[in-house]
């Protein structure tokens, strides 16, 4: 049953990632991949919230599988983040590449931590 829940969550998360990335990127004139950053930070926040809810006993294994593993796993994208960073370096935008790496890692960790804190407040 868990594999089916993961697949269902991923079936929603993957197209949402694609459309959200395109929507954000089409509204920016920057070489920075803002769409990828947006989906990765949103996914990190939601994953922190779901995992924190599971730790507190307020979120069941089914939700953790569907939302945490499936949806968040498909919504976020490390491979695209890596590719876009390499592309920035190859294009000679090394400072932007460094900003992309630093900003993405810091923002993702902060978002996940905030999700855990929010879960603690909700399921305390």
Protein backbone atom coordinates (compact mmCIF):
# COMPACT_ATOMS: atom_id res chain seq x y z
CA UNK A 1 0.00 0.00 0.00
CA UNK A 2 2.84 2.41 0.80
CA UNK A 3 4.30 2.16 -2.72
CA UNK A 4 0.91 3.07 -4.19
CA UNK A 5 0.63 6.09 -1.89
CA UNK A 6 4.13 7.21 -2.85
CA UNK A 7 3.26 6.87 -6.53
CA UNK A 8 0.03 8.82 -6.12
CA UNK A 9 1.81 11.62 -4.27
CA UNK A 10 4.53 11.72 -6.93
CA UNK A 11 1.93 11.83 -9.69
CA UNK A 12 0.70 15.12 -8.24
CA UNK A 13 4.09 16.54 -7.20
CA UNK A 14 5.97 16.09 -10.48
CA UNK A 15 3.60 18.02 -12.75
CA UNK A 16 3.14 20.65 -10.06
CA UNK A 17 6.92 21.11 -9.96
CA UNK A 18 7.05 21.53 -13.72
CA UNK A 19 4.23 24.08 -13.88
CA UNK A 20 5.33 26.00 -10.78
CA UNK A 21 8.90 26.19 -12.05
CA UNK A 22 7.76 27.45 -15.45
CA UNK A 23 5.37 29.99 -13.88
CA UNK A 24 8.03 31.45 -11.60
CA UNK A 25 10.80 31.41 -14.19
CA UNK A 26 8.63 33.10 -16.84
CA UNK A 27 8.14 36.05 -14.49
CA UNK A 28 11.83 36.70 -13.88
CA UNK A 29 14.50 38.14 -16.12
CA UNK A 30 17.34 36.76 -14.00
CA UNK A 31 19.75 34.00 -14.95
CA UNK A 32 19.18 32.51 -11.49
CA UNK A 33 16.82 29.51 -11.50
CA UNK A 34 14.16 31.03 -9.23
CA UNK A 35 11.57 28.41 -10.18
CA UNK A 36 13.72 25.54 -8.95
CA UNK A 37 14.52 27.45 -5.77
CA UNK A 38 10.82 28.09 -5.15
CA UNK A 39 9.75 24.45 -5.51
CA UNK A 40 12.69 23.19 -3.45
CA UNK A 41 12.01 25.61 -0.60
CA UNK A 42 8.26 24.93 -0.65
CA UNK A 43 8.90 21.18 -0.65
CA UNK A 44 11.39 21.48 2.21
CA UNK A 45 8.89 23.45 4.29
CA UNK A 46 6.11 20.93 3.66
CA UNK A 47 8.41 17.98 4.32
CA UNK A 48 9.49 19.53 7.63
CA UNK A 49 5.85 20.02 8.58
CA UNK A 50 4.86 16.44 7.67
CA UNK A 51 7.89 14.83 9.35
CA UNK A 52 7.40 16.98 12.44
CA UNK A 53 3.75 15.95 12.48
CA UNK A 54 4.75 12.29 12.25
CA UNK A 55 7.24 12.69 15.10
CA UNK A 56 4.50 14.25 17.24
CA UNK A 57 2.05 11.47 16.40
CA UNK A 58 -0.33 13.75 14.50
CA UNK A 59 0.49 12.48 11.00
CA UNK A 60 0.12 8.82 10.09
CA UNK A 61 2.38 6.61 8.03
CA UNK A 62 0.04 6.85 5.05
CA UNK A 63 0.27 10.65 4.93
CA UNK A 64 4.02 10.49 5.43
CA UNK A 65 4.31 8.10 2.47
CA UNK A 66 1.98 10.00 0.14
CA UNK A 67 2.92 13.57 1.03
CA UNK A 68 6.40 13.32 2.50
CA UNK A 69 7.96 10.73 0.22
CA UNK A 70 5.78 10.89 -2.91
CA UNK A 71 4.62 14.47 -3.25
CA UNK A 72 7.61 16.26 -1.70
CA UNK A 73 10.05 13.87 -3.35
CA UNK A 74 8.62 14.65 -6.78
CA UNK A 75 8.05 18.35 -6.11
CA UNK A 76 11.65 19.00 -5.12
CA UNK A 77 14.50 18.41 -7.51
CA UNK A 78 18.16 18.02 -6.66
CA UNK A 79 19.09 16.95 -10.19
CA UNK A 80 17.70 20.12 -11.78
CA UNK A 81 19.36 22.22 -9.08
CA UNK A 82 22.70 20.55 -9.87
CA UNK A 83 22.26 20.88 -13.63
CA UNK A 84 21.29 24.56 -13.42
CA UNK A 85 24.26 25.29 -11.17
CA UNK A 86 26.66 23.61 -13.61
CA UNK A 87 25.04 25.51 -16.47
CA UNK A 88 25.67 28.80 -14.65
CA UNK A 89 29.35 27.89 -14.23
CA UNK A 90 29.67 26.88 -17.86
CA UNK A 91 28.08 30.18 -18.94
CA UNK A 92 30.69 32.08 -16.93
CA UNK A 93 28.28 33.11 -14.18
CA UNK A 94 30.31 31.67 -11.32
CA UNK A 95 29.09 34.22 -8.79
CA UNK A 96 25.50 33.37 -9.67
CA UNK A 97 26.31 29.67 -9.37
CA UNK A 98 27.75 30.23 -5.90
CA UNK A 99 24.72 32.31 -4.93
CA UNK A 100 22.44 29.56 -6.24
CA UNK A 101 24.17 26.86 -4.20
CA UNK A 102 24.43 28.92 -1.03
CA UNK A 103 20.92 30.34 -1.26
CA UNK A 104 19.29 27.02 -2.11
CA UNK A 105 20.96 25.07 0.68
CA UNK A 106 20.40 27.74 3.33
CA UNK A 107 16.81 28.46 2.28
CA UNK A 108 15.97 24.74 2.11
CA UNK A 109 17.39 24.05 5.57
CA UNK A 110 15.65 27.08 7.06
CA UNK A 111 12.36 26.08 5.43
CA UNK A 112 12.62 22.49 6.71
CA UNK A 113 13.44 23.76 10.20
CA UNK A 114 10.50 26.16 10.08
CA UNK A 115 8.26 23.28 9.04
CA UNK A 116 9.43 21.27 12.04
CA UNK A 117 8.76 24.24 14.34
CA UNK A 118 5.29 24.75 12.86
CA UNK A 119 4.54 21.05 13.33
CA UNK A 120 5.58 21.34 16.97
CA UNK A 121 3.15 24.23 17.42
CA UNK A 122 0.29 22.46 15.62
CA UNK A 123 0.69 19.03 17.23
CA UNK A 124 2.04 20.04 20.63
